[in-house]
Amino acid sequence: GYRQELSPDKEERLLNHDVQSQEITLGVRPEHTDVNDEGVAARVDVAEMMGSSVHLHVNAEGHDVIIIVPTVDMKGNYEMGDTVHFSFDGKVAHVFSKETEKNLEF
């Protein structure tokens, strides 16, 4: 149920490569996610303190996801079983062909 528009430059690259509508695999680097009050709901499986950040291993809609939260931005502690919400900006999303696994932008 989460919807994120791609950035205009990503949309332009997809159009320039004549990418047709298709099922995709979406990729986002863990450090490009934000924990907030809205977005994709996820259950914390492991919260791993790594010094300057906490690596949250979560399950979101049946998918294992890692979220990196800088400790400077933390709004509390994360415990196993907690529900968090995360989002990301459309400029950091990577779009891959589900069939070939190739990045569709390049």
Protein backbone atom coordinates (compact mmCIF):
# COMPACT_ATOMS: atom_id res chain seq x y z
CA GLY A 1 0.00 0.00 0.00
CA TYR A 2 3.00 2.35 0.02
CA ARG A 3 3.46 4.48 -3.07
CA GLN A 4 6.62 6.39 -3.95
CA GLU A 5 7.13 8.39 -7.11
CA LEU A 6 10.52 8.08 -8.77
CA SER A 7 12.56 11.24 -9.17
CA PRO A 8 12.20 13.08 -12.50
CA ASP A 9 15.74 12.12 -13.60
CA LYS A 10 15.03 8.41 -12.96
CA GLU A 11 11.73 8.64 -14.83
CA GLU A 12 13.53 10.32 -17.74
CA ARG A 13 16.19 7.56 -17.91
CA LEU A 14 13.47 4.90 -17.96
CA LEU A 15 11.65 6.74 -20.75
CA ASN A 16 14.89 7.20 -22.72
CA HIS A 17 15.50 3.45 -22.51
CA ASP A 18 11.91 2.78 -23.65
CA VAL A 19 11.17 0.74 -20.51
CA GLN A 20 7.66 -0.65 -20.77
CA SER A 21 5.29 -1.26 -17.85
CA GLN A 22 6.34 -4.48 -16.11
CA GLU A 23 6.79 -6.16 -12.75
CA ILE A 24 9.97 -4.92 -11.11
CA THR A 25 12.19 -5.52 -8.13
CA LEU A 26 12.72 -2.35 -6.15
CA GLY A 27 16.02 -1.78 -4.40
CA VAL A 28 16.89 0.80 -1.75
CA ARG A 29 20.16 0.90 0.17
CA PRO A 30 19.67 0.51 3.94
CA GLU A 31 21.29 3.87 4.67
CA HIS A 32 18.79 5.61 2.36
CA THR A 33 15.73 4.70 4.42
CA ASP A 34 14.10 6.84 7.08
CA VAL A 35 12.22 5.61 10.14
CA ASN A 36 9.19 7.83 10.66
CA ASP A 37 5.50 7.82 11.62
CA GLU A 38 4.27 6.86 8.14
CA GLY A 39 5.40 4.62 5.31
CA VAL A 40 5.86 0.87 5.11
CA ALA A 41 5.06 -0.94 8.36
CA ALA A 42 7.68 -3.44 9.48
CA ARG A 43 8.25 -5.72 12.48
CA VAL A 44 11.68 -5.52 14.12
CA ASP A 45 13.40 -8.92 14.23
CA VAL A 46 16.82 -7.68 15.41
CA ALA A 47 18.14 -4.29 16.50
CA GLU A 48 21.92 -4.32 16.21
CA MET A 49 23.85 -1.40 17.76
CA MET A 50 26.83 -0.63 15.53
CA GLY A 51 28.23 2.44 17.29
CA SER A 52 27.16 5.42 15.21
CA SER A 53 24.09 3.62 13.89
CA VAL A 54 21.58 0.90 14.67
CA HIS A 55 20.93 -1.73 12.02
CA LEU A 56 17.30 -2.79 12.17
CA HIS A 57 16.57 -6.17 10.61
CA VAL A 58 12.85 -6.03 9.94
CA ASN A 59 10.14 -7.91 8.11
CA ALA A 60 7.98 -5.77 5.84
CA GLU A 61 5.11 -7.46 4.04
CA GLY A 62 6.96 -10.80 4.04
CA HIS A 63 10.31 -9.35 2.94
CA ASP A 64 13.47 -9.09 5.02
CA VAL A 65 14.71 -5.51 5.03
CA ILE A 66 17.62 -3.77 6.72
CA ILE A 67 17.24 -0.17 7.85
CA ILE A 68 20.22 1.82 9.10
CA VAL A 69 19.31 4.45 11.67
CA PRO A 70 22.02 6.94 12.68
CA THR A 71 22.11 7.13 16.48
CA VAL A 72 22.01 10.95 16.25
CA ASP A 73 18.51 10.70 14.74
CA MET A 74 17.14 8.00 17.05
CA LYS A 75 13.89 8.78 18.81
CA GLY A 76 14.17 5.92 21.31
CA ASN A 77 15.24 2.31 21.45
CA TYR A 78 14.11 -0.45 19.13
CA GLU A 79 13.19 -3.86 20.50
CA MET A 80 12.40 -7.19 18.88
CA GLY A 81 8.71 -7.26 17.97
CA ASP A 82 8.34 -3.47 17.74
CA THR A 83 6.54 -2.06 14.73
CA VAL A 84 8.35 0.70 12.86
CA HIS A 85 7.50 2.56 9.69
CA PHE A 86 10.03 3.44 7.04
CA SER A 87 10.11 5.35 3.81
CA PHE A 88 12.59 6.50 1.19
CA ASP A 89 12.88 9.18 -1.41
CA GLY A 90 12.22 8.37 -5.08
CA LYS A 91 15.70 9.58 -6.04
CA VAL A 92 17.36 6.69 -4.13
CA ALA A 93 15.19 3.87 -5.48
CA HIS A 94 16.73 1.41 -7.93
CA VAL A 95 14.45 -0.34 -10.43
CA PHE A 96 15.38 -3.82 -11.64
CA SER A 97 13.74 -6.12 -14.18
CA LYS A 98 12.11 -9.00 -12.35
CA GLU A 99 12.86 -11.19 -15.37
CA THR A 100 16.52 -10.32 -16.11
CA GLU A 101 17.49 -8.71 -12.76
CA LYS A 102 19.20 -5.87 -14.69
CA ASN A 103 18.92 -2.25 -13.62
CA LEU A 104 16.32 -0.73 -15.96
CA GLU A 105 17.84 2.75 -15.87
CA PHE A 106 21.09 1.76 -17.63
